C-alpha atoms as a PDB file:
ATOM      1  CA  MET A   1     -32.005 -13.670 -11.109  1.00  0.00           C
ATOM      2  CA  ARG A   2     -32.553 -10.350 -12.897  1.00  0.00           C
ATOM      3  CA  ARG A   3     -29.509  -7.945 -11.856  1.00  0.00           C
ATOM      4  CA  THR A   4     -30.736  -4.568 -10.501  1.00  0.00           C
ATOM      5  CA  LEU A   5     -27.958  -2.573 -12.526  1.00  0.00           C
ATOM      6  CA  PRO A   6     -28.591   0.727 -15.066  1.00  0.00           C
ATOM      7  CA  SER A   7     -27.346   0.701 -18.416  1.00  0.00           C
ATOM      8  CA  THR A   8     -23.577   1.721 -18.315  1.00  0.00           C
ATOM      9  CA  GLN A   9     -23.986   4.509 -20.588  1.00  0.00           C
ATOM     10  CA  ALA A  10     -26.594   5.956 -18.289  1.00  0.00           C
ATOM     11  CA  LEU A  11     -23.968   5.596 -15.563  1.00  0.00           C
ATOM     12  CA  ALA A  12     -20.971   6.961 -17.991  1.00  0.00           C
ATOM     13  CA  CYS A  13     -23.105  10.190 -18.519  1.00  0.00           C
ATOM     14  CA  PHE A  14     -23.915  10.681 -14.855  1.00  0.00           C
ATOM     15  CA  ASP A  15     -20.467  10.716 -14.047  1.00  0.00           C
ATOM     16  CA  ALA A  16     -19.493  13.167 -16.456  1.00  0.00           C
ATOM     17  CA  ALA A  17     -22.048  15.591 -15.080  1.00  0.00           C
ATOM     18  CA  ALA A  18     -22.182  15.336 -11.518  1.00  0.00           C
ATOM     19  CA  ARG A  19     -17.976  15.740 -12.445  1.00  0.00           C
ATOM     20  CA  HIS A  20     -18.743  18.946 -14.133  1.00  0.00           C
ATOM     21  CA  GLU A  21     -22.063  19.575 -12.605  1.00  0.00           C
ATOM     22  CA  SER A  22     -22.870  21.008 -15.976  1.00  0.00           C
ATOM     23  CA  TYR A  23     -25.109  18.574 -18.822  1.00  0.00           C
ATOM     24  CA  THR A  24     -23.361  20.831 -21.840  1.00  0.00           C
ATOM     25  CA  ARG A  25     -19.416  20.006 -20.328  1.00  0.00           C
ATOM     26  CA  ALA A  26     -20.441  16.165 -20.030  1.00  0.00           C
ATOM     27  CA  ALA A  27     -22.132  16.029 -23.407  1.00  0.00           C
ATOM     28  CA  ASP A  28     -18.864  17.614 -24.715  1.00  0.00           C
ATOM     29  CA  GLU A  29     -16.473  15.124 -22.599  1.00  0.00           C
ATOM     30  CA  LEU A  30     -18.197  12.075 -24.134  1.00  0.00           C
ATOM     31  CA  ALA A  31     -19.252  13.202 -27.882  1.00  0.00           C
ATOM     32  CA  LEU A  32     -22.810  13.537 -27.262  1.00  0.00           C
ATOM     33  CA  THR A  33     -25.832  16.277 -27.389  1.00  0.00           C
ATOM     34  CA  GLN A  34     -26.967  17.715 -24.393  1.00  0.00           C
ATOM     35  CA  SER A  35     -29.944  16.366 -24.651  1.00  0.00           C
ATOM     36  CA  ALA A  36     -28.749  12.929 -25.139  1.00  0.00           C
ATOM     37  CA  VAL A  37     -27.144  13.234 -21.740  1.00  0.00           C
ATOM     38  CA  SER A  38     -30.352  15.012 -20.034  1.00  0.00           C
ATOM     39  CA  ARG A  39     -32.760  11.667 -21.684  1.00  0.00           C
ATOM     40  CA  GLN A  40     -29.916   9.415 -19.823  1.00  0.00           C
ATOM     41  CA  ILE A  41     -29.681  10.803 -16.426  1.00  0.00           C
ATOM     42  CA  LEU A  42     -33.655  11.018 -16.960  1.00  0.00           C
ATOM     43  CA  GLY A  43     -34.103   7.481 -17.416  1.00  0.00           C
ATOM     44  CA  LEU A  44     -31.175   6.886 -14.835  1.00  0.00           C
ATOM     45  CA  GLU A  45     -33.595   9.112 -12.111  1.00  0.00           C
ATOM     46  CA  ASP A  46     -36.535   6.918 -13.326  1.00  0.00           C
ATOM     47  CA  PHE A  47     -34.680   3.639 -13.137  1.00  0.00           C
ATOM     48  CA  LEU A  48     -33.430   4.744  -9.128  1.00  0.00           C
ATOM     49  CA  GLY A  49     -36.534   6.721  -8.211  1.00  0.00           C
ATOM     50  CA  VAL A  50     -34.188   9.609  -6.386  1.00  0.00           C
ATOM     51  CA  ALA A  51     -33.410  12.830  -8.071  1.00  0.00           C
ATOM     52  CA  LEU A  52     -29.674  13.442  -8.888  1.00  0.00           C
ATOM     53  CA  PHE A  53     -29.674  17.059  -9.923  1.00  0.00           C
ATOM     54  CA  ARG A  54     -31.574  20.074  -9.532  1.00  0.00           C
ATOM     55  CA  ARG A  55     -32.381  22.864 -11.664  1.00  0.00           C
ATOM     56  CA  THR A  56     -30.410  26.190 -10.997  1.00  0.00           C
ATOM     57  CA  ARG A  57     -30.541  29.669 -12.212  1.00  0.00           C
ATOM     58  CA  HIS A  58     -26.638  28.685 -13.356  1.00  0.00           C
ATOM     59  CA  GLY A  59     -27.694  24.643 -14.684  1.00  0.00           C
ATOM     60  CA  VAL A  60     -27.351  21.780 -12.520  1.00  0.00           C
ATOM     61  CA  ALA A  61     -26.432  21.135  -9.364  1.00  0.00           C
ATOM     62  CA  LEU A  62     -26.451  17.302  -7.725  1.00  0.00           C
ATOM     63  CA  THR A  63     -28.921  16.704  -4.718  1.00  0.00           C
ATOM     64  CA  PRO A  64     -27.485  14.705  -1.611  1.00  0.00           C
ATOM     65  CA  ALA A  65     -28.238  11.337  -3.078  1.00  0.00           C
ATOM     66  CA  GLY A  66     -26.955  12.367  -6.166  1.00  0.00           C
ATOM     67  CA  ARG A  67     -23.413  13.168  -4.575  1.00  0.00           C
ATOM     68  CA  SER A  68     -23.091  10.271  -2.741  1.00  0.00           C
ATOM     69  CA  TYR A  69     -23.966   8.382  -6.145  1.00  0.00           C
ATOM     70  CA  ALA A  70     -21.424  10.188  -7.475  1.00  0.00           C
ATOM     71  CA  ARG A  71     -18.668   9.372  -5.436  1.00  0.00           C
ATOM     72  CA  GLN A  72     -19.937   5.230  -5.218  1.00  0.00           C
ATOM     73  CA  VAL A  73     -19.958   5.202  -9.483  1.00  0.00           C
ATOM     74  CA  GLY A  74     -16.823   7.108 -10.420  1.00  0.00           C
ATOM     75  CA  PRO A  75     -14.002   4.762  -9.144  1.00  0.00           C
ATOM     76  CA  ARG A  76     -16.280   2.113 -10.190  1.00  0.00           C
ATOM     77  CA  LEU A  77     -16.580   3.479 -13.595  1.00  0.00           C
ATOM     78  CA  GLN A  78     -12.587   4.042 -13.631  1.00  0.00           C
ATOM     79  CA  ALA A  79     -12.323   0.515 -12.844  1.00  0.00           C
ATOM     80  CA  LEU A  80     -14.407  -1.203 -15.088  1.00  0.00           C
ATOM     81  CA  GLU A  81     -12.440   0.768 -18.121  1.00  0.00           C
ATOM     82  CA  ARG A  82      -9.376  -0.490 -16.725  1.00  0.00           C
ATOM     83  CA  ASP A  83     -10.181  -4.161 -16.575  1.00  0.00           C
ATOM     84  CA  THR A  84     -11.349  -3.575 -20.344  1.00  0.00           C
ATOM     85  CA  LEU A  85      -8.755  -2.139 -21.505  1.00  0.00           C
ATOM     86  CA  ASP A  86      -6.427  -5.018 -19.474  1.00  0.00           C
ATOM     87  CA  VAL A  87      -8.405  -7.385 -21.742  1.00  0.00           C
ATOM     88  CA  MET A  88      -8.131  -5.780 -24.779  1.00  0.00           C
ATOM     89  CA  ALA A  89      -4.352  -5.339 -24.831  1.00  0.00           C
ATOM     90  CA  HIS A  90      -3.442  -8.958 -23.895  1.00  0.00           C
ATOM     91  CA  GLN A  91      -6.191 -10.617 -26.177  1.00  0.00           C
ATOM     92  CA  GLY A  92      -6.666 -13.167 -23.421  1.00  0.00           C
ATOM     93  CA  HIS A  93      -3.131 -14.005 -22.726  1.00  0.00           C
ATOM     94  CA  GLY A  94      -1.607 -13.117 -19.457  1.00  0.00           C
ATOM     95  CA  GLY A  95      -3.648 -10.359 -17.768  1.00  0.00           C
ATOM     96  CA  ALA A  96      -3.444  -7.943 -14.583  1.00  0.00           C
ATOM     97  CA  LEU A  97      -3.123  -7.938 -11.175  1.00  0.00           C
ATOM     98  CA  THR A  98      -4.280  -5.444  -8.492  1.00  0.00           C
ATOM     99  CA  LEU A  99      -2.599  -5.501  -5.510  1.00  0.00           C
ATOM    100  CA  ALA A 100      -3.347  -3.917  -1.956  1.00  0.00           C
ATOM    101  CA  ALA A 101      -0.060  -3.362  -0.255  1.00  0.00           C
ATOM    102  CA  VAL A 102       1.549  -1.906   2.986  1.00  0.00           C
ATOM    103  CA  PRO A 103       3.083   1.237   1.592  1.00  0.00           C
ATOM    104  CA  THR A 104       7.063   0.869   2.510  1.00  0.00           C
ATOM    105  CA  PHE A 105       7.493  -2.884   1.900  1.00  0.00           C
ATOM    106  CA  ALA A 106       6.108  -2.252  -1.424  1.00  0.00           C
ATOM    107  CA  THR A 107       7.996   0.800  -2.474  1.00  0.00           C
ATOM    108  CA  ARG A 108      11.330  -0.558  -0.688  1.00  0.00           C
ATOM    109  CA  TRP A 109      11.087  -4.615  -1.194  1.00  0.00           C
ATOM    110  CA  LEU A 110       8.850  -5.157  -3.978  1.00  0.00           C
ATOM    111  CA  ILE A 111       8.721  -2.301  -6.895  1.00  0.00           C
ATOM    112  CA  PRO A 112      12.891  -2.216  -7.144  1.00  0.00           C
ATOM    113  CA  ARG A 113      12.143  -6.511  -7.881  1.00  0.00           C
ATOM    114  CA  LEU A 114       9.480  -6.045 -10.018  1.00  0.00           C
ATOM    115  CA  PRO A 115      11.672  -5.331 -13.309  1.00  0.00           C
ATOM    116  CA  GLU A 116      12.621  -9.189 -13.450  1.00  0.00           C
ATOM    117  CA  PHE A 117       8.790  -9.875 -12.968  1.00  0.00           C
ATOM    118  CA  ALA A 118       8.167  -7.822 -15.635  1.00  0.00           C
ATOM    119  CA  ALA A 119      11.025  -9.548 -18.055  1.00  0.00           C
ATOM    120  CA  VAL A 120       9.758 -13.498 -17.159  1.00  0.00           C
ATOM    121  CA  HIS A 121       6.125 -12.229 -17.408  1.00  0.00           C
ATOM    122  CA  PRO A 122       5.941  -9.046 -19.802  1.00  0.00           C
ATOM    123  CA  ASP A 123       2.302 -10.606 -20.553  1.00  0.00           C
ATOM    124  CA  ILE A 124       0.911  -9.212 -16.830  1.00  0.00           C
ATOM    125  CA  VAL A 125       0.533  -6.172 -15.684  1.00  0.00           C
ATOM    126  CA  VAL A 126       0.773  -5.059 -11.918  1.00  0.00           C
ATOM    127  CA  HIS A 127      -1.102  -2.562 -10.460  1.00  0.00           C
ATOM    128  CA  ILE A 128      -0.333  -1.426  -6.819  1.00  0.00           C
ATOM    129  CA  ASP A 129      -2.778   0.601  -4.402  1.00  0.00           C
ATOM    130  CA  THR A 130      -1.848   0.939  -0.291  1.00  0.00           C
ATOM    131  CA  ARG A 131      -3.951  -0.854   2.235  1.00  0.00           C
ATOM    132  CA  THR A 132      -2.689  -1.065   6.090  1.00  0.00           C
ATOM    133  CA  ARG A 133      -5.506  -3.171   7.498  1.00  0.00           C
ATOM    134  CA  PRO A 134      -7.434  -6.413   6.698  1.00  0.00           C
ATOM    135  CA  PHE A 135     -10.513  -5.714   4.489  1.00  0.00           C
ATOM    136  CA  LEU A 136     -13.009  -7.529   2.032  1.00  0.00           C
ATOM    137  CA  PHE A 137     -12.020  -8.783  -0.676  1.00  0.00           C
ATOM    138  CA  ALA A 138     -15.553  -8.783  -1.954  1.00  0.00           C
ATOM    139  CA  ASP A 139     -15.763  -5.287  -1.710  1.00  0.00           C
ATOM    140  CA  THR A 140     -12.598  -4.088  -3.893  1.00  0.00           C
ATOM    141  CA  GLY A 141     -11.434  -4.944  -7.208  1.00  0.00           C
ATOM    142  CA  PHE A 142      -7.956  -6.505  -5.362  1.00  0.00           C
ATOM    143  CA  ASP A 143      -6.485  -9.454  -6.715  1.00  0.00           C
ATOM    144  CA  ALA A 144      -4.518 -10.044  -3.322  1.00  0.00           C
ATOM    145  CA  ALA A 145      -2.508  -8.019  -0.171  1.00  0.00           C
ATOM    146  CA  LEU A 146       0.744  -7.628   0.206  1.00  0.00           C
ATOM    147  CA  TYR A 147       0.180  -7.806   4.392  1.00  0.00           C
ATOM    148  CA  ALA A 148       2.548  -7.386   7.133  1.00  0.00           C
ATOM    149  CA  GLY A 149       0.893  -8.903  10.404  1.00  0.00           C
ATOM    150  CA  THR A 150       0.894 -11.829  13.245  1.00  0.00           C
ATOM    151  CA  PRO A 151      -0.259 -15.132  12.357  1.00  0.00           C
ATOM    152  CA  GLU A 152      -3.001 -14.730  15.080  1.00  0.00           C
ATOM    153  CA  GLN A 153      -4.211 -11.261  12.629  1.00  0.00           C
ATOM    154  CA  VAL A 154      -3.570 -13.220   9.266  1.00  0.00           C
ATOM    155  CA  ALA A 155      -5.332 -16.536  10.445  1.00  0.00           C
ATOM    156  CA  HIS A 156      -8.280 -14.271  11.460  1.00  0.00           C
ATOM    157  CA  TRP A 157      -9.007 -12.392   8.197  1.00  0.00           C
ATOM    158  CA  PRO A 158     -12.046 -14.081   6.865  1.00  0.00           C
ATOM    159  CA  GLY A 159     -12.856 -15.272   3.914  1.00  0.00           C
ATOM    160  CA  THR A 160      -8.901 -15.735   3.214  1.00  0.00           C
ATOM    161  CA  GLN A 161      -5.991 -17.955   2.777  1.00  0.00           C
ATOM    162  CA  ALA A 162      -2.206 -16.270   3.642  1.00  0.00           C
ATOM    163  CA  HIS A 163       1.076 -17.404   1.623  1.00  0.00           C
ATOM    164  CA  TRP A 164       3.719 -16.724   4.088  1.00  0.00           C
ATOM    165  CA  LEU A 165       7.123 -15.253   2.495  1.00  0.00           C
ATOM    166  CA  MET A 166       9.588 -14.038   5.130  1.00  0.00           C
ATOM    167  CA  HIS A 167       9.922 -13.257   8.982  1.00  0.00           C
ATOM    168  CA  GLU A 168      10.639  -9.521   9.960  1.00  0.00           C
ATOM    169  CA  ASP A 169      13.892  -9.652  11.589  1.00  0.00           C
ATOM    170  CA  VAL A 170      15.220  -6.252  12.478  1.00  0.00           C
ATOM    171  CA  LEU A 171      18.192  -4.576  13.219  1.00  0.00           C
ATOM    172  CA  PRO A 172      19.459  -0.756  14.648  1.00  0.00           C
ATOM    173  CA  VAL A 173      20.700   0.925  11.946  1.00  0.00           C
ATOM    174  CA  CYS A 174      22.069   4.464  11.506  1.00  0.00           C
ATOM    175  CA  SER A 175      23.712   7.187   9.778  1.00  0.00           C
ATOM    176  CA  PRO A 176      28.050   6.404  10.042  1.00  0.00           C
ATOM    177  CA  ARG A 177      28.477   9.968  11.288  1.00  0.00           C
ATOM    178  CA  LEU A 178      26.430   8.941  14.526  1.00  0.00           C
ATOM    179  CA  LEU A 179      28.901   6.474  14.816  1.00  0.00           C
ATOM    180  CA  GLU A 180      31.488   8.317  14.252  1.00  0.00           C
ATOM    181  CA  ALA A 181      30.821  10.915  16.766  1.00  0.00           C
ATOM    182  CA  ALA A 182      30.335   8.271  18.972  1.00  0.00           C
ATOM    183  CA  GLU A 183      33.815   6.720  18.180  1.00  0.00           C
ATOM    184  CA  GLN A 184      35.294  10.323  18.881  1.00  0.00           C
ATOM    185  CA  ARG A 185      33.629  10.239  22.135  1.00  0.00           C
ATOM    186  CA  GLY A 186      35.476   6.881  23.026  1.00  0.00           C
ATOM    187  CA  ARG A 187      32.457   4.908  22.909  1.00  0.00           C
ATOM    188  CA  GLY A 188      32.193   2.800  19.373  1.00  0.00           C
ATOM    189  CA  ARG A 189      34.139   2.541  16.130  1.00  0.00           C
ATOM    190  CA  ALA A 190      32.769   3.924  13.040  1.00  0.00           C
ATOM    191  CA  HIS A 191      31.090   1.206  10.178  1.00  0.00           C
ATOM    192  CA  GLN A 192      31.959  -1.824  13.020  1.00  0.00           C
ATOM    193  CA  GLY A 193      29.015  -1.243  15.164  1.00  0.00           C
ATOM    194  CA  VAL A 194      28.861  -0.393  18.637  1.00  0.00           C
ATOM    195  CA  SER A 195      27.629  -2.769  21.558  1.00  0.00           C
ATOM    196  CA  PRO A 196      23.980  -2.461  23.219  1.00  0.00           C
ATOM    197  CA  GLN A 197      25.022  -0.842  26.519  1.00  0.00           C
ATOM    198  CA  VAL A 198      26.796   2.466  24.117  1.00  0.00           C
ATOM    199  CA  LEU A 199      23.853   1.707  21.960  1.00  0.00           C
ATOM    200  CA  ALA A 200      21.189   2.610  24.747  1.00  0.00           C
ATOM    201  CA  GLU A 201      23.063   5.980  24.999  1.00  0.00           C
ATOM    202  CA  LEU A 202      22.763   6.885  21.907  1.00  0.00           C
ATOM    203  CA  PRO A 203      19.544   9.004  20.381  1.00  0.00           C
ATOM    204  CA  LEU A 204      16.713   6.488  19.360  1.00  0.00           C
ATOM    205  CA  LEU A 205      14.128   6.471  16.674  1.00  0.00           C
ATOM    206  CA  GLN A 206      10.989   5.322  17.498  1.00  0.00           C
ATOM    207  CA  GLN A 207       8.229   3.692  15.383  1.00  0.00           C
ATOM    208  CA  SER A 208       4.464   4.933  16.405  1.00  0.00           C
ATOM    209  CA  THR A 209       2.920   1.767  15.562  1.00  0.00           C
ATOM    210  CA  ARG A 210       5.255  -0.454  17.646  1.00  0.00           C
ATOM    211  CA  PRO A 211       5.720   1.474  20.463  1.00  0.00           C
ATOM    212  CA  TYR A 212       7.604  -1.105  22.446  1.00  0.00           C
ATOM    213  CA  GLY A 213      10.276  -2.070  20.065  1.00  0.00           C
ATOM    214  CA  TRP A 214      13.222  -0.767  21.060  1.00  0.00           C
ATOM    215  CA  ARG A 215      12.400  -2.207  24.800  1.00  0.00           C
ATOM    216  CA  GLN A 216      11.902  -5.417  23.491  1.00  0.00           C
ATOM    217  CA  TRP A 217      15.371  -5.464  21.546  1.00  0.00           C
ATOM    218  CA  PHE A 218      17.175  -4.290  24.397  1.00  0.00           C
ATOM    219  CA  GLU A 219      15.746  -6.783  26.956  1.00  0.00           C
ATOM    220  CA  ALA A 220      16.498  -9.652  24.410  1.00  0.00           C
ATOM    221  CA  MET A 221      19.890  -8.225  24.162  1.00  0.00           C
ATOM    222  CA  GLY A 222      19.825  -8.982  28.307  1.00  0.00           C
ATOM    223  CA  THR A 223      20.887  -5.049  28.367  1.00  0.00           C
ATOM    224  CA  PRO A 224      19.125  -2.079  30.827  1.00  0.00           C
ATOM    225  CA  ALA A 225      17.673   0.872  28.918  1.00  0.00           C
ATOM    226  CA  PRO A 226      16.080   3.477  30.883  1.00  0.00           C
ATOM    227  CA  ARG A 227      15.601   5.290  27.432  1.00  0.00           C
ATOM    228  CA  ALA A 228      14.230   2.781  25.315  1.00  0.00           C
ATOM    229  CA  LEU A 229      10.819   4.658  25.219  1.00  0.00           C
ATOM    230  CA  GLU A 230      12.180   8.382  24.559  1.00  0.00           C
ATOM    231  CA  GLY A 231      12.942   9.611  21.430  1.00  0.00           C
ATOM    232  CA  PRO A 232      10.853  10.926  18.232  1.00  0.00           C
ATOM    233  CA  ARG A 233       7.823   8.795  16.917  1.00  0.00           C
ATOM    234  CA  TYR A 234       7.323   8.458  13.581  1.00  0.00           C
ATOM    235  CA  GLU A 235       4.405   5.842  11.556  1.00  0.00           C
ATOM    236  CA  LEU A 236       5.959   4.834   8.790  1.00  0.00           C
ATOM    237  CA  PHE A 237       9.607   2.398   8.321  1.00  0.00           C
ATOM    238  CA  SER A 238       9.950   4.650   5.145  1.00  0.00           C
ATOM    239  CA  MET A 239       9.894   7.774   7.229  1.00  0.00           C
ATOM    240  CA  LEU A 240      12.534   6.086  10.280  1.00  0.00           C
ATOM    241  CA  ALA A 241      14.928   5.677   7.330  1.00  0.00           C
ATOM    242  CA  VAL A 242      14.719   9.383   5.978  1.00  0.00           C
ATOM    243  CA  ALA A 243      15.232  10.221   9.209  1.00  0.00           C
ATOM    244  CA  ALA A 244      18.474   7.337  10.215  1.00  0.00           C
ATOM    245  CA  THR A 245      20.077   8.575   6.928  1.00  0.00           C
ATOM    246  CA  HIS A 246      19.692  12.594   8.174  1.00  0.00           C
ATOM    247  CA  GLY A 247      21.323  11.323  11.540  1.00  0.00           C
ATOM    248  CA  LEU A 248      18.454  12.040  13.865  1.00  0.00           C
ATOM    249  CA  GLY A 249      19.274   8.757  15.930  1.00  0.00           C
ATOM    250  CA  VAL A 250      19.145   5.153  15.705  1.00  0.00           C
ATOM    251  CA  ALA A 251      16.603   3.458  14.098  1.00  0.00           C
ATOM    252  CA  LEU A 252      15.199   0.078  14.405  1.00  0.00           C
ATOM    253  CA  MET A 253      14.292  -1.942  10.798  1.00  0.00           C
ATOM    254  CA  PRO A 254      14.121  -4.489   8.674  1.00  0.00           C
ATOM    255  CA  ALA A 255      17.273  -4.974   6.379  1.00  0.00           C
ATOM    256  CA  MET A 256      14.709  -5.868   3.563  1.00  0.00           C
ATOM    257  CA  LEU A 257      13.507  -2.049   3.655  1.00  0.00           C
ATOM    258  CA  ILE A 258      16.991  -0.274   3.406  1.00  0.00           C
ATOM    259  CA  GLU A 259      18.678  -2.499   0.745  1.00  0.00           C
ATOM    260  CA  ALA A 260      19.560   0.529  -0.799  1.00  0.00           C
ATOM    261  CA  GLU A 261      21.067   2.901   1.777  1.00  0.00           C
ATOM    262  CA  LEU A 262      23.138  -0.195   3.526  1.00  0.00           C
ATOM    263  CA  ALA A 263      24.715  -0.403  -0.393  1.00  0.00           C
ATOM    264  CA  ARG A 264      25.404   3.041  -0.706  1.00  0.00           C
ATOM    265  CA  GLY A 265      26.592   3.401   2.743  1.00  0.00           C
ATOM    266  CA  GLU A 266      24.098   6.066   3.794  1.00  0.00           C
ATOM    267  CA  LEU A 267      23.376   3.674   6.434  1.00  0.00           C
ATOM    268  CA  VAL A 268      25.704   1.543   8.457  1.00  0.00           C
ATOM    269  CA  VAL A 269      24.613  -1.725  10.882  1.00  0.00           C
ATOM    270  CA  ALA A 270      24.961   0.155  14.494  1.00  0.00           C
ATOM    271  CA  CYS A 271      24.661  -3.222  16.063  1.00  0.00           C
ATOM    272  CA  PRO A 272      25.329  -6.826  14.602  1.00  0.00           C
ATOM    273  CA  GLN A 273      22.336  -8.151  16.921  1.00  0.00           C
ATOM    274  CA  PRO A 274      19.011  -8.725  15.025  1.00  0.00           C
ATOM    275  CA  LEU A 275      15.740  -9.733  17.136  1.00  0.00           C
ATOM    276  CA  ARG A 276      12.870 -11.797  15.071  1.00  0.00           C
ATOM    277  CA  GLY A 277      10.028  -9.724  14.895  1.00  0.00           C
ATOM    278  CA  GLU A 278       6.371 -10.800  15.746  1.00  0.00           C
ATOM    279  CA  ARG A 279       4.940 -10.244  12.297  1.00  0.00           C
ATOM    280  CA  GLY A 280       6.193 -11.526   8.958  1.00  0.00           C
ATOM    281  CA  TYR A 281       4.699 -10.858   5.708  1.00  0.00           C
ATOM    282  CA  TYR A 282       2.589 -12.236   3.765  1.00  0.00           C
ATOM    283  CA  LEU A 283       0.709 -12.463   0.283  1.00  0.00           C
ATOM    284  CA  VAL A 284      -2.998 -13.271   1.353  1.00  0.00           C
ATOM    285  CA  THR A 285      -5.745 -13.878  -1.745  1.00  0.00           C
ATOM    286  CA  PRO A 286      -9.314 -14.642  -1.613  1.00  0.00           C
ATOM    287  CA  VAL A 287      -9.863 -18.274  -0.876  1.00  0.00           C
ATOM    288  CA  GLN A 288     -10.364 -20.250  -3.922  1.00  0.00           C
ATOM    289  CA  ALA A 289      -9.657 -17.680  -5.927  1.00  0.00           C
ATOM    290  CA  SER A 290      -6.563 -18.054  -8.513  1.00  0.00           C
ATOM    291  CA  THR A 291      -6.054 -17.179 -11.889  1.00  0.00           C
ATOM    292  CA  PRO A 292      -2.938 -17.632 -14.013  1.00  0.00           C
ATOM    293  CA  ALA A 293      -1.597 -14.612 -13.525  1.00  0.00           C
ATOM    294  CA  LEU A 294      -1.966 -14.836  -9.753  1.00  0.00           C
ATOM    295  CA  GLY A 295      -0.489 -18.113  -9.777  1.00  0.00           C
ATOM    296  CA  ALA A 296       2.785 -16.885 -11.699  1.00  0.00           C
ATOM    297  CA  PHE A 297       2.923 -14.017  -9.768  1.00  0.00           C
ATOM    298  CA  LEU A 298       3.003 -15.945  -6.475  1.00  0.00           C
ATOM    299  CA  GLN A 299       5.392 -18.695  -7.557  1.00  0.00           C
ATOM    300  CA  TRP A 300       7.873 -15.387  -8.730  1.00  0.00           C
ATOM    301  CA  LEU A 301       7.168 -13.638  -5.159  1.00  0.00           C
ATOM    302  CA  GLN A 302       8.089 -16.977  -2.714  1.00  0.00           C
ATOM    303  CA  GLY A 303      11.101 -17.507  -5.155  1.00  0.00           C
ATOM    304  CA  GLN A 304      12.170 -13.399  -4.566  1.00  0.00           C
ATOM    305  CA  ALA A 305      11.269 -13.892  -0.317  1.00  0.00           C
END
């Protein structure tokens, strides 16, 4: 069946002209003549049956249809160019992976470990973009997704298979200065942690996407905590980590996301009582979609987890 696709040359001319809103500047960028750019865009408009530009006193301007089309064409041309360069660079060996990932897990757990992957697989390049919710792989250029969610959420992601990596166990952590202050008030010992009862009296940092996290932790400890829902709220674990480091309160966090802060002593475990969260971390891939590069990455990732 014949596919309804314009030529890449016409799309490249349109993309450049749309960004500059100028045929002349597009011609300079593409090392073409202005008339060549104009012919390509006229041919594209005939192909689409839609006017993409209108003439103005100063040159050309995008029509509403042209502006909408430009928003779609630009990213796709960039992705096509990137994929082409990847193939040319690797000459059939290795390849590139494009991952969607929850931001804190990618920044704090995955990226610090990627040098080890690069040492073992120097011919595989890993690109990472941020996604926090399920999506349709067919609508994107992603090969896989690093996702944090419950088993039920993963099971209801259509057209995918999920590879479990690890549970999300959370611990109360805070700045050592906060525990030192508690020690001075006779309620704890710095760097050795405090009881859940003492913790209930300290400032608690909340995560807005998990508003009942502290309540669940105190209930699991069997400790009354009337202020379990109080305290400043932050959306991301990375924000919680920074707030806790600066002594704003105690954060309930997975230890794997604050390995650097714990190693440097910027954060300490406020109470050594972990709670297994409802969520886990998964590598999600399209069903029956696998490449040697993706297989190598999954094997390495499971070993790291």
